[in-house]
Amino acid sequence: MAVRSLSRALKSTIATGALALAVPGAALAMPAHPDAGDVVAAQPAPVPQQAPTWPVNPQVLTPPSSAVAQSDAGFQWDDAGIGAGGAFVVVLAAFGCGLAIRRRHVADPPLPA
């Protein structure tokens, strides 16, 4: 394999790997783990509570008849927009990788006379 082809393949592999790691980088973030001693010291002491008391004549609460739960069976534009944006990013990444690894034809140098 020619050095030029190997170099081009290596560059495109590195670019693809960097893109693959950069996109989900936020999902790989981990919260800092506090020391075990800090966790015990940071927790407040429990406060004793009184037992609940109940009314003498309880009454059932009913919701008003006009407040009927409505189910939205329509199209979710927010979810569709997120999906379309993700698909657009994937298409752009594939297009960029295709441009990075496509074969460039270089004209041969002229032969000496």
PDB file of N, CA and C in Angstrom:
ATOM      1  N   MET A   1       0.857  -1.181   0.000  1.00  0.00           N
ATOM      2  CA  MET A   1       0.000   0.000   0.000  1.00  0.00           C
ATOM      3  C   MET A   1       0.895   1.234   0.000  1.00  0.00           C
ATOM      4  N   ALA A   2       0.586   2.182  -0.823  1.00  0.00           N
ATOM      5  CA  ALA A   2       1.395   3.388  -0.941  1.00  0.00           C
ATOM      6  C   ALA A   2       1.290   4.211   0.339  1.00  0.00           C
ATOM      7  N   VAL A   3       2.342   4.979   0.604  1.00  0.00           N
ATOM      8  CA  VAL A   3       2.381   5.803   1.803  1.00  0.00           C
ATOM      9  C   VAL A   3       1.267   6.832   1.776  1.00  0.00           C
ATOM     10  N   ARG A   4       0.992   7.372   0.605  1.00  0.00           N
ATOM     11  CA  ARG A   4      -0.050   8.389   0.479  1.00  0.00           C
ATOM     12  C   ARG A   4      -1.419   7.801   0.828  1.00  0.00           C
ATOM     13  N   SER A   5      -1.712   6.595   0.324  1.00  0.00           N
ATOM     14  CA  SER A   5      -2.989   5.950   0.621  1.00  0.00           C
ATOM     15  C   SER A   5      -3.088   5.590   2.093  1.00  0.00           C
ATOM     16  N   LEU A   6      -1.989   5.110   2.661  1.00  0.00           N
ATOM     17  CA  LEU A   6      -1.978   4.761   4.079  1.00  0.00           C
ATOM     18  C   LEU A   6      -2.188   5.998   4.945  1.00  0.00           C
ATOM     19  N   SER A   7      -1.537   7.081   4.577  1.00  0.00           N
ATOM     20  CA  SER A   7      -1.691   8.327   5.325  1.00  0.00           C
ATOM     21  C   SER A   7      -3.131   8.833   5.250  1.00  0.00           C
ATOM     22  N   ARG A   8      -3.714   8.756   4.058  1.00  0.00           N
ATOM     23  CA  ARG A   8      -5.090   9.204   3.879  1.00  0.00           C
ATOM     24  C   ARG A   8      -6.056   8.333   4.682  1.00  0.00           C
ATOM     25  N   ALA A   9      -5.839   7.020   4.664  1.00  0.00           N
ATOM     26  CA  ALA A   9      -6.704   6.118   5.419  1.00  0.00           C
ATOM     27  C   ALA A   9      -6.561   6.361   6.915  1.00  0.00           C
ATOM     28  N   LEU A  10      -5.337   6.605   7.384  1.00  0.00           N
ATOM     29  CA  LEU A  10      -5.112   6.871   8.798  1.00  0.00           C
ATOM     30  C   LEU A  10      -5.783   8.174   9.218  1.00  0.00           C
ATOM     31  N   LYS A  11      -5.681   9.208   8.402  1.00  0.00           N
ATOM     32  CA  LYS A  11      -6.317  10.497   8.722  1.00  0.00           C
ATOM     33  C   LYS A  11      -7.840  10.361   8.782  1.00  0.00           C
ATOM     34  N   SER A  12      -8.415   9.638   7.842  1.00  0.00           N
ATOM     35  CA  SER A  12      -9.870   9.490   7.849  1.00  0.00           C
ATOM     36  C   SER A  12     -10.325   8.644   9.027  1.00  0.00           C
ATOM     37  N   THR A  13      -9.536   7.637   9.411  1.00  0.00           N
ATOM     38  CA  THR A  13      -9.888   6.824  10.577  1.00  0.00           C
ATOM     39  C   THR A  13      -9.834   7.656  11.848  1.00  0.00           C
ATOM     40  N   ILE A  14      -8.823   8.490  11.981  1.00  0.00           N
ATOM     41  CA  ILE A  14      -8.709   9.357  13.157  1.00  0.00           C
ATOM     42  C   ILE A  14      -9.854  10.358  13.190  1.00  0.00           C
ATOM     43  N   ALA A  15     -10.187  10.942  12.038  1.00  0.00           N
ATOM     44  CA  ALA A  15     -11.285  11.913  11.996  1.00  0.00           C
ATOM     45  C   ALA A  15     -12.611  11.253  12.353  1.00  0.00           C
ATOM     46  N   THR A  16     -12.848  10.050  11.835  1.00  0.00           N
ATOM     47  CA  THR A  16     -14.086   9.344  12.149  1.00  0.00           C
ATOM     48  C   THR A  16     -14.144   8.974  13.622  1.00  0.00           C
ATOM     49  N   GLY A  17     -13.033   8.526  14.170  1.00  0.00           N
ATOM     50  CA  GLY A  17     -12.990   8.185  15.599  1.00  0.00           C
ATOM     51  C   GLY A  17     -13.213   9.395  16.478  1.00  0.00           C
ATOM     52  N   ALA A  18     -12.618  10.525  16.117  1.00  0.00           N
ATOM     53  CA  ALA A  18     -12.816  11.744  16.898  1.00  0.00           C
ATOM     54  C   ALA A  18     -14.269  12.189  16.848  1.00  0.00           C
ATOM     55  N   LEU A  19     -14.891  12.076  15.681  1.00  0.00           N
ATOM     56  CA  LEU A  19     -16.299  12.435  15.567  1.00  0.00           C
ATOM     57  C   LEU A  19     -17.180  11.492  16.379  1.00  0.00           C
ATOM     58  N   ALA A  20     -16.855  10.214  16.338  1.00  0.00           N
ATOM     59  CA  ALA A  20     -17.651   9.237  17.082  1.00  0.00           C
ATOM     60  C   ALA A  20     -17.531   9.449  18.587  1.00  0.00           C
ATOM     61  N   LEU A  21     -16.390   9.910  19.055  1.00  0.00           N
ATOM     62  CA  LEU A  21     -16.226  10.164  20.483  1.00  0.00           C
ATOM     63  C   LEU A  21     -16.749  11.532  20.902  1.00  0.00           C
ATOM     64  N   ALA A  22     -16.732  12.494  19.994  1.00  0.00           N
ATOM     65  CA  ALA A  22     -17.157  13.848  20.341  1.00  0.00           C
ATOM     66  C   ALA A  22     -18.668  13.964  20.443  1.00  0.00           C
ATOM     67  N   VAL A  23     -19.407  13.257  19.614  1.00  0.00           N
ATOM     68  CA  VAL A  23     -20.866  13.389  19.598  1.00  0.00           C
ATOM     69  C   VAL A  23     -21.489  12.879  20.891  1.00  0.00           C
ATOM     70  N   PRO A  24     -21.188  11.655  21.356  1.00  0.00           N
ATOM     71  CA  PRO A  24     -21.817  11.206  22.597  1.00  0.00           C
ATOM     72  C   PRO A  24     -20.982  11.524  23.836  1.00  0.00           C
ATOM     73  N   GLY A  25     -20.075  12.488  23.751  1.00  0.00           N
ATOM     74  CA  GLY A  25     -19.214  12.807  24.885  1.00  0.00           C
ATOM     75  C   GLY A  25     -19.972  13.226  26.123  1.00  0.00           C
ATOM     76  N   ALA A  26     -21.064  13.945  25.961  1.00  0.00           N
ATOM     77  CA  ALA A  26     -21.837  14.377  27.125  1.00  0.00           C
ATOM     78  C   ALA A  26     -22.498  13.194  27.822  1.00  0.00           C
ATOM     79  N   ALA A  27     -22.823  12.158  27.071  1.00  0.00           N
ATOM     80  CA  ALA A  27     -23.456  10.994  27.679  1.00  0.00           C
ATOM     81  C   ALA A  27     -22.462  10.189  28.505  1.00  0.00           C
ATOM     82  N   LEU A  28     -21.170  10.351  28.240  1.00  0.00           N
ATOM     83  CA  LEU A  28     -20.155   9.622  28.976  1.00  0.00           C
ATOM     84  C   LEU A  28     -19.730  10.338  30.249  1.00  0.00           C
ATOM     85  N   ALA A  29     -20.238  11.528  30.486  1.00  0.00           N
ATOM     86  CA  ALA A  29     -19.848  12.293  31.672  1.00  0.00           C
ATOM     87  C   ALA A  29     -20.322  11.578  32.928  1.00  0.00           C
ATOM     88  N   MET A  30     -19.458  11.551  33.927  1.00  0.00           N
ATOM     89  CA  MET A  30     -19.765  10.895  35.195  1.00  0.00           C
ATOM     90  C   MET A  30     -19.743  11.948  36.301  1.00  0.00           C
ATOM     91  N   PRO A  31     -20.659  11.852  37.257  1.00  0.00           N
ATOM     92  CA  PRO A  31     -20.614  12.788  38.375  1.00  0.00           C
ATOM     93  C   PRO A  31     -19.423  12.470  39.282  1.00  0.00           C
ATOM     94  N   ALA A  32     -18.939  13.472  39.963  1.00  0.00           N
ATOM     95  CA  ALA A  32     -17.814  13.277  40.878  1.00  0.00           C
ATOM     96  C   ALA A  32     -18.272  12.447  42.069  1.00  0.00           C
ATOM     97  N   HIS A  33     -17.428  11.518  42.483  1.00  0.00           N
ATOM     98  CA  HIS A  33     -17.764  10.671  43.622  1.00  0.00           C
ATOM     99  C   HIS A  33     -17.188  11.300  44.888  1.00  0.00           C
ATOM    100  N   PRO A  34     -18.036  11.724  45.816  1.00  0.00           N
ATOM    101  CA  PRO A  34     -17.507  12.298  47.060  1.00  0.00           C
ATOM    102  C   PRO A  34     -16.898  11.202  47.933  1.00  0.00           C
ATOM    103  N   ASP A  35     -16.020  11.611  48.831  1.00  0.00           N
ATOM    104  CA  ASP A  35     -15.423  10.651  49.763  1.00  0.00           C
ATOM    105  C   ASP A  35     -16.491  10.115  50.698  1.00  0.00           C
ATOM    106  N   ALA A  36     -16.273   8.927  51.223  1.00  0.00           N
ATOM    107  CA  ALA A  36     -17.258   8.304  52.114  1.00  0.00           C
ATOM    108  C   ALA A  36     -17.441   9.128  53.382  1.00  0.00           C
ATOM    109  N   GLY A  37     -16.376   9.748  53.866  1.00  0.00           N
ATOM    110  CA  GLY A  37     -16.479  10.575  55.071  1.00  0.00           C
ATOM    111  C   GLY A  37     -17.320  11.814  54.837  1.00  0.00           C
ATOM    112  N   ASP A  38     -17.231  12.400  53.649  1.00  0.00           N
ATOM    113  CA  ASP A  38     -18.006  13.597  53.337  1.00  0.00           C
ATOM    114  C   ASP A  38     -19.493  13.295  53.237  1.00  0.00           C
ATOM    115  N   VAL A  39     -19.860  12.106  52.771  1.00  0.00           N
ATOM    116  CA  VAL A  39     -21.260  11.752  52.614  1.00  0.00           C
ATOM    117  C   VAL A  39     -21.937  11.649  53.978  1.00  0.00           C
ATOM    118  N   VAL A  40     -21.263  11.047  54.934  1.00  0.00           N
ATOM    119  CA  VAL A  40     -21.851  10.884  56.268  1.00  0.00           C
ATOM    120  C   VAL A  40     -21.991  12.237  56.948  1.00  0.00           C
ATOM    121  N   ALA A  41     -21.002  13.113  56.794  1.00  0.00           N
ATOM    122  CA  ALA A  41     -21.049  14.415  57.448  1.00  0.00           C
ATOM    123  C   ALA A  41     -22.083  15.325  56.796  1.00  0.00           C
ATOM    124  N   ALA A  42     -22.370  15.147  55.497  1.00  0.00           N
ATOM    125  CA  ALA A  42     -23.272  16.039  54.792  1.00  0.00           C
ATOM    126  C   ALA A  42     -24.740  15.710  55.036  1.00  0.00           C
ATOM    127  N   GLN A  43     -25.056  14.518  55.536  1.00  0.00           N
ATOM    128  CA  GLN A  43     -26.456  14.142  55.740  1.00  0.00           C
ATOM    129  C   GLN A  43     -26.973  14.758  57.030  1.00  0.00           C
ATOM    130  N   PRO A  44     -28.140  15.433  56.973  1.00  0.00           N
ATOM    131  CA  PRO A  44     -28.694  16.017  58.206  1.00  0.00           C
ATOM    132  C   PRO A  44     -29.279  14.925  59.099  1.00  0.00           C
ATOM    133  N   ALA A  45     -29.319  15.232  60.367  1.00  0.00           N
ATOM    134  CA  ALA A  45     -29.889  14.286  61.326  1.00  0.00           C
ATOM    135  C   ALA A  45     -31.399  14.231  61.130  1.00  0.00           C
ATOM    136  N   PRO A  46     -32.023  13.044  61.273  1.00  0.00           N
ATOM    137  CA  PRO A  46     -33.471  12.955  61.103  1.00  0.00           C
ATOM    138  C   PRO A  46     -34.208  13.702  62.213  1.00  0.00           C
ATOM    139  N   VAL A  47     -35.315  14.346  61.835  1.00  0.00           N
ATOM    140  CA  VAL A  47     -36.127  15.105  62.784  1.00  0.00           C
ATOM    141  C   VAL A  47     -37.363  14.267  63.115  1.00  0.00           C
ATOM    142  N   PRO A  48     -37.639  14.028  64.388  1.00  0.00           N
ATOM    143  CA  PRO A  48     -38.828  13.236  64.723  1.00  0.00           C
ATOM    144  C   PRO A  48     -40.105  13.987  64.343  1.00  0.00           C
ATOM    145  N   GLN A  49     -41.087  13.262  63.829  1.00  0.00           N
ATOM    146  CA  GLN A  49     -42.349  13.841  63.387  1.00  0.00           C
ATOM    147  C   GLN A  49     -43.497  13.286  64.222  1.00  0.00           C
ATOM    148  N   GLN A  50     -44.569  14.086  64.334  1.00  0.00           N
ATOM    149  CA  GLN A  50     -45.770  13.612  65.009  1.00  0.00           C
ATOM    150  C   GLN A  50     -46.545  12.686  64.079  1.00  0.00           C
ATOM    151  N   ALA A  51     -47.308  11.826  64.681  1.00  0.00           N
ATOM    152  CA  ALA A  51     -48.171  10.950  63.899  1.00  0.00           C
ATOM    153  C   ALA A  51     -49.261  11.796  63.241  1.00  0.00           C
ATOM    154  N   PRO A  52     -49.723  11.435  62.037  1.00  0.00           N
ATOM    155  CA  PRO A  52     -50.761  12.225  61.373  1.00  0.00           C
ATOM    156  C   PRO A  52     -52.086  12.137  62.130  1.00  0.00           C
ATOM    157  N   THR A  53     -52.820  13.229  62.050  1.00  0.00           N
ATOM    158  CA  THR A  53     -54.157  13.255  62.663  1.00  0.00           C
ATOM    159  C   THR A  53     -55.181  13.315  61.546  1.00  0.00           C
ATOM    160  N   TRP A  54     -56.351  12.723  61.788  1.00  0.00           N
ATOM    161  CA  TRP A  54     -57.380  12.636  60.774  1.00  0.00           C
ATOM    162  C   TRP A  54     -58.579  13.473  61.189  1.00  0.00           C
ATOM    163  N   PRO A  55     -59.293  14.074  60.228  1.00  0.00           N
ATOM    164  CA  PRO A  55     -60.472  14.863  60.577  1.00  0.00           C
ATOM    165  C   PRO A  55     -61.591  13.955  61.107  1.00  0.00           C
ATOM    166  N   VAL A  56     -62.494  14.589  61.857  1.00  0.00           N
ATOM    167  CA  VAL A  56     -63.585  13.822  62.454  1.00  0.00           C
ATOM    168  C   VAL A  56     -64.579  13.395  61.382  1.00  0.00           C
ATOM    169  N   ASN A  57     -64.921  14.294  60.444  1.00  0.00           N
ATOM    170  CA  ASN A  57     -65.877  13.992  59.375  1.00  0.00           C
ATOM    171  C   ASN A  57     -65.190  14.143  58.019  1.00  0.00           C
ATOM    172  N   PRO A  58     -64.505  13.137  57.525  1.00  0.00           N
ATOM    173  CA  PRO A  58     -63.820  13.269  56.232  1.00  0.00           C
ATOM    174  C   PRO A  58     -64.815  13.312  55.078  1.00  0.00           C
ATOM    175  N   GLN A  59     -64.460  14.055  54.046  1.00  0.00           N
ATOM    176  CA  GLN A  59     -65.315  14.154  52.863  1.00  0.00           C
ATOM    177  C   GLN A  59     -64.483  13.813  51.627  1.00  0.00           C
ATOM    178  N   VAL A  60     -65.136  13.189  50.669  1.00  0.00           N
ATOM    179  CA  VAL A  60     -64.459  12.794  49.436  1.00  0.00           C
ATOM    180  C   VAL A  60     -64.347  14.005  48.530  1.00  0.00           C
ATOM    181  N   LEU A  61     -63.164  14.233  47.993  1.00  0.00           N
ATOM    182  CA  LEU A  61     -62.949  15.335  47.056  1.00  0.00           C
ATOM    183  C   LEU A  61     -63.096  14.799  45.638  1.00  0.00           C
ATOM    184  N   THR A  62     -63.926  15.471  44.844  1.00  0.00           N
ATOM    185  CA  THR A  62     -64.126  15.062  43.451  1.00  0.00           C
ATOM    186  C   THR A  62     -63.658  16.193  42.544  1.00  0.00           C
ATOM    187  N   PRO A  63     -63.015  15.874  41.450  1.00  0.00           N
ATOM    188  CA  PRO A  63     -62.578  16.929  40.538  1.00  0.00           C
ATOM    189  C   PRO A  63     -63.781  17.516  39.810  1.00  0.00           C
ATOM    190  N   PRO A  64     -63.676  18.766  39.388  1.00  0.00           N
ATOM    191  CA  PRO A  64     -64.767  19.370  38.623  1.00  0.00           C
ATOM    192  C   PRO A  64     -65.005  18.595  37.326  1.00  0.00           C
ATOM    193  N   SER A  65     -66.237  18.585  36.874  1.00  0.00           N
ATOM    194  CA  SER A  65     -66.589  17.816  35.679  1.00  0.00           C
ATOM    195  C   SER A  65     -65.998  18.410  34.397  1.00  0.00           C
ATOM    196  N   SER A  66     -65.646  19.690  34.400  1.00  0.00           N
ATOM    197  CA  SER A  66     -65.107  20.318  33.196  1.00  0.00           C
ATOM    198  C   SER A  66     -63.635  19.962  32.989  1.00  0.00           C
ATOM    199  N   ALA A  67     -62.966  19.499  34.024  1.00  0.00           N
ATOM    200  CA  ALA A  67     -61.540  19.162  33.901  1.00  0.00           C
ATOM    201  C   ALA A  67     -61.390  17.688  33.557  1.00  0.00           C
ATOM    202  N   VAL A  68     -61.683  17.346  32.317  1.00  0.00           N
ATOM    203  CA  VAL A  68     -61.552  15.976  31.849  1.00  0.00           C
ATOM    204  C   VAL A  68     -60.152  15.808  31.264  1.00  0.00           C
ATOM    205  N   ALA A  69     -59.506  14.726  31.591  1.00  0.00           N
ATOM    206  CA  ALA A  69     -58.172  14.478  31.065  1.00  0.00           C
ATOM    207  C   ALA A  69     -58.250  14.259  29.560  1.00  0.00           C
ATOM    208  N   GLN A  70     -57.431  15.000  28.829  1.00  0.00           N
ATOM    209  CA  GLN A  70     -57.427  14.894  27.376  1.00  0.00           C
ATOM    210  C   GLN A  70     -56.130  14.209  26.949  1.00  0.00           C
ATOM    211  N   SER A  71     -56.257  13.221  26.122  1.00  0.00           N
ATOM    212  CA  SER A  71     -55.070  12.563  25.601  1.00  0.00           C
ATOM    213  C   SER A  71     -54.732  13.177  24.245  1.00  0.00           C
ATOM    214  N   ASP A  72     -53.465  13.528  24.075  1.00  0.00           N
ATOM    215  CA  ASP A  72     -53.021  14.137  22.832  1.00  0.00           C
ATOM    216  C   ASP A  72     -52.533  13.032  21.914  1.00  0.00           C
ATOM    217  N   ALA A  73     -53.330  12.686  20.939  1.00  0.00           N
ATOM    218  CA  ALA A  73     -52.963  11.633  19.997  1.00  0.00           C
ATOM    219  C   ALA A  73     -52.404  12.226  18.707  1.00  0.00           C
ATOM    220  N   GLY A  74     -52.083  13.520  18.710  1.00  0.00           N
ATOM    221  CA  GLY A  74     -51.581  14.170  17.503  1.00  0.00           C
ATOM    222  C   GLY A  74     -50.112  13.878  17.260  1.00  0.00           C
ATOM    223  N   PHE A  75     -49.600  14.458  16.205  1.00  0.00           N
ATOM    224  CA  PHE A  75     -48.202  14.265  15.814  1.00  0.00           C
ATOM    225  C   PHE A  75     -47.306  15.041  16.758  1.00  0.00           C
ATOM    226  N   GLN A  76     -46.234  14.418  17.239  1.00  0.00           N
ATOM    227  CA  GLN A  76     -45.297  15.056  18.157  1.00  0.00           C
ATOM    228  C   GLN A  76     -44.181  15.732  17.356  1.00  0.00           C
ATOM    229  N   TRP A  77     -44.323  17.033  17.136  1.00  0.00           N
ATOM    230  CA  TRP A  77     -43.365  17.767  16.325  1.00  0.00           C
ATOM    231  C   TRP A  77     -42.015  17.885  17.013  1.00  0.00           C
ATOM    232  N   ASP A  78     -42.008  17.970  18.340  1.00  0.00           N
ATOM    233  CA  ASP A  78     -40.740  18.072  19.061  1.00  0.00           C
ATOM    234  C   ASP A  78     -39.893  16.823  18.844  1.00  0.00           C
ATOM    235  N   ASP A  79     -40.505  15.658  19.000  1.00  0.00           N
ATOM    236  CA  ASP A  79     -39.776  14.399  18.807  1.00  0.00           C
ATOM    237  C   ASP A  79     -39.340  14.240  17.358  1.00  0.00           C
ATOM    238  N   ALA A  80     -40.174  14.654  16.435  1.00  0.00           N
ATOM    239  CA  ALA A  80     -39.818  14.556  15.020  1.00  0.00           C
ATOM    240  C   ALA A  80     -38.638  15.472  14.697  1.00  0.00           C
ATOM    241  N   GLY A  81     -38.617  16.643  15.284  1.00  0.00           N
ATOM    242  CA  GLY A  81     -37.503  17.572  15.061  1.00  0.00           C
ATOM    243  C   GLY A  81     -36.197  17.034  15.603  1.00  0.00           C
ATOM    244  N   ILE A  82     -36.238  16.406  16.766  1.00  0.00           N
ATOM    245  CA  ILE A  82     -35.030  15.815  17.346  1.00  0.00           C
ATOM    246  C   ILE A  82     -34.534  14.672  16.459  1.00  0.00           C
ATOM    247  N   GLY A  83     -35.442  13.846  16.000  1.00  0.00           N
ATOM    248  CA  GLY A  83     -35.054  12.746  15.125  1.00  0.00           C
ATOM    249  C   GLY A  83     -34.490  13.233  13.801  1.00  0.00           C
ATOM    250  N   ALA A  84     -35.096  14.254  13.237  1.00  0.00           N
ATOM    251  CA  ALA A  84     -34.603  14.795  11.971  1.00  0.00           C
ATOM    252  C   ALA A  84     -33.231  15.436  12.151  1.00  0.00           C
ATOM    253  N   GLY A  85     -33.037  16.125  13.262  1.00  0.00           N
ATOM    254  CA  GLY A  85     -31.724  16.726  13.532  1.00  0.00           C
ATOM    255  C   GLY A  85     -30.648  15.660  13.693  1.00  0.00           C
ATOM    256  N   GLY A  86     -30.966  14.575  14.398  1.00  0.00           N
ATOM    257  CA  GLY A  86     -30.008  13.487  14.552  1.00  0.00           C
ATOM    258  C   GLY A  86     -29.680  12.833  13.223  1.00  0.00           C
ATOM    259  N   ALA A  87     -30.687  12.636  12.386  1.00  0.00           N
ATOM    260  CA  ALA A  87     -30.450  12.050  11.066  1.00  0.00           C
ATOM    261  C   ALA A  87     -29.601  12.978  10.205  1.00  0.00           C
ATOM    262  N   PHE A  88     -29.814  14.276  10.322  1.00  0.00           N
ATOM    263  CA  PHE A  88     -29.035  15.250   9.560  1.00  0.00           C
ATOM    264  C   PHE A  88     -27.559  15.209   9.969  1.00  0.00           C
ATOM    265  N   VAL A  89     -27.303  15.071  11.270  1.00  0.00           N
ATOM    266  CA  VAL A  89     -25.922  14.977  11.760  1.00  0.00           C
ATOM    267  C   VAL A  89     -25.256  13.713  11.229  1.00  0.00           C
ATOM    268  N   VAL A  90     -25.984  12.612  11.223  1.00  0.00           N
ATOM    269  CA  VAL A  90     -25.424  11.356  10.712  1.00  0.00           C
ATOM    270  C   VAL A  90     -25.114  11.474   9.220  1.00  0.00           C
ATOM    271  N   VAL A  91     -26.002  12.086   8.460  1.00  0.00           N
ATOM    272  CA  VAL A  91     -25.772  12.258   7.022  1.00  0.00           C
ATOM    273  C   VAL A  91     -24.573  13.172   6.778  1.00  0.00           C
ATOM    274  N   LEU A  92     -24.451  14.257   7.547  1.00  0.00           N
ATOM    275  CA  LEU A  92     -23.300  15.140   7.383  1.00  0.00           C
ATOM    276  C   LEU A  92     -22.000  14.421   7.728  1.00  0.00           C
ATOM    277  N   ALA A  93     -22.009  13.614   8.781  1.00  0.00           N
ATOM    278  CA  ALA A  93     -20.812  12.868   9.158  1.00  0.00           C
ATOM    279  C   ALA A  93     -20.431  11.867   8.066  1.00  0.00           C
ATOM    280  N   ALA A  94     -21.406  11.185   7.508  1.00  0.00           N
ATOM    281  CA  ALA A  94     -21.121  10.232   6.439  1.00  0.00           C
ATOM    282  C   ALA A  94     -20.592  10.947   5.197  1.00  0.00           C
ATOM    283  N   PHE A  95     -21.155  12.094   4.881  1.00  0.00           N
ATOM    284  CA  PHE A  95     -20.695  12.861   3.732  1.00  0.00           C
ATOM    285  C   PHE A  95     -19.262  13.344   3.941  1.00  0.00           C
ATOM    286  N   GLY A  96     -18.968  13.821   5.158  1.00  0.00           N
ATOM    287  CA  GLY A  96     -17.610  14.273   5.473  1.00  0.00           C
ATOM    288  C   GLY A  96     -16.601  13.145   5.403  1.00  0.00           C
ATOM    289  N   CYS A  97     -16.980  11.979   5.906  1.00  0.00           N
ATOM    290  CA  CYS A  97     -16.083  10.817   5.822  1.00  0.00           C
ATOM    291  C   CYS A  97     -15.882  10.399   4.375  1.00  0.00           C
ATOM    292  N   GLY A  98     -16.927  10.469   3.596  1.00  0.00           N
ATOM    293  CA  GLY A  98     -16.795  10.130   2.181  1.00  0.00           C
ATOM    294  C   GLY A  98     -15.852  11.074   1.461  1.00  0.00           C
ATOM    295  N   LEU A  99     -15.924  12.358   1.795  1.00  0.00           N
ATOM    296  CA  LEU A  99     -15.002  13.319   1.178  1.00  0.00           C
ATOM    297  C   LEU A  99     -13.577  13.098   1.654  1.00  0.00           C
ATOM    298  N   ALA A 100     -13.416  12.687   2.908  1.00  0.00           N
ATOM    299  CA  ALA A 100     -12.073  12.498   3.448  1.00  0.00           C
ATOM    300  C   ALA A 100     -11.372  11.297   2.838  1.00  0.00           C
ATOM    301  N   ILE A 101     -12.117  10.255   2.504  1.00  0.00           N
ATOM    302  CA  ILE A 101     -11.460   9.047   2.021  1.00  0.00           C
ATOM    303  C   ILE A 101     -11.615   8.818   0.522  1.00  0.00           C
ATOM    304  N   ARG A 102     -12.248   9.739  -0.164  1.00  0.00           N
ATOM    305  CA  ARG A 102     -12.419   9.520  -1.606  1.00  0.00           C
ATOM    306  C   ARG A 102     -11.065   9.577  -2.303  1.00  0.00           C
ATOM    307  N   ARG A 103     -10.977   8.898  -3.396  1.00  0.00           N
ATOM    308  CA  ARG A 103      -9.713   8.812  -4.117  1.00  0.00           C
ATOM    309  C   ARG A 103      -9.552  10.037  -5.006  1.00  0.00           C
ATOM    310  N   ARG A 104      -8.423  10.707  -4.840  1.00  0.00           N
ATOM    311  CA  ARG A 104      -8.125  11.872  -5.675  1.00  0.00           C
ATOM    312  C   ARG A 104      -7.170  11.431  -6.785  1.00  0.00           C
ATOM    313  N   HIS A 105      -7.511  11.772  -8.000  1.00  0.00           N
ATOM    314  CA  HIS A 105      -6.666  11.423  -9.135  1.00  0.00           C
ATOM    315  C   HIS A 105      -5.702  12.572  -9.392  1.00  0.00           C
ATOM    316  N   VAL A 106      -4.434  12.248  -9.289  1.00  0.00           N
ATOM    317  CA  VAL A 106      -3.402  13.256  -9.524  1.00  0.00           C
ATOM    318  C   VAL A 106      -2.806  12.975 -10.887  1.00  0.00           C
ATOM    319  N   ALA A 107      -2.650  14.018 -11.672  1.00  0.00           N
ATOM    320  CA  ALA A 107      -2.098  13.858 -13.013  1.00  0.00           C
ATOM    321  C   ALA A 107      -0.645  13.396 -12.911  1.00  0.00           C
ATOM    322  N   ASP A 108      -0.246  12.513 -13.810  1.00  0.00           N
ATOM    323  CA  ASP A 108       1.130  12.042 -13.823  1.00  0.00           C
ATOM    324  C   ASP A 108       2.046  13.174 -14.284  1.00  0.00           C
ATOM    325  N   PRO A 109       3.240  13.222 -13.707  1.00  0.00           N
ATOM    326  CA  PRO A 109       4.169  14.282 -14.176  1.00  0.00           C
ATOM    327  C   PRO A 109       4.593  14.009 -15.611  1.00  0.00           C
ATOM    328  N   PRO A 110       4.921  15.053 -16.349  1.00  0.00           N
ATOM    329  CA  PRO A 110       5.321  14.833 -17.757  1.00  0.00           C
ATOM    330  C   PRO A 110       6.629  14.047 -17.827  1.00  0.00           C
ATOM    331  N   LEU A 111       6.726  13.225 -18.828  1.00  0.00           N
ATOM    332  CA  LEU A 111       7.937  12.427 -19.018  1.00  0.00           C
ATOM    333  C   LEU A 111       9.057  13.297 -19.591  1.00  0.00           C
ATOM    334  N   PRO A 112      10.291  13.003 -19.174  1.00  0.00           N
ATOM    335  CA  PRO A 112      11.389  13.812 -19.732  1.00  0.00           C
ATOM    336  C   PRO A 112      11.565  13.521 -21.227  1.00  0.00           C
ATOM    337  N   ALA A 113      11.952  14.550 -21.980  1.00  0.00           N
ATOM    338  CA  ALA A 113      12.052  14.415 -23.428  1.00  0.00           C
ATOM    339  C   ALA A 113      13.279  13.748 -23.900  1.00  0.00           C
TER     340      ALA A 113
END
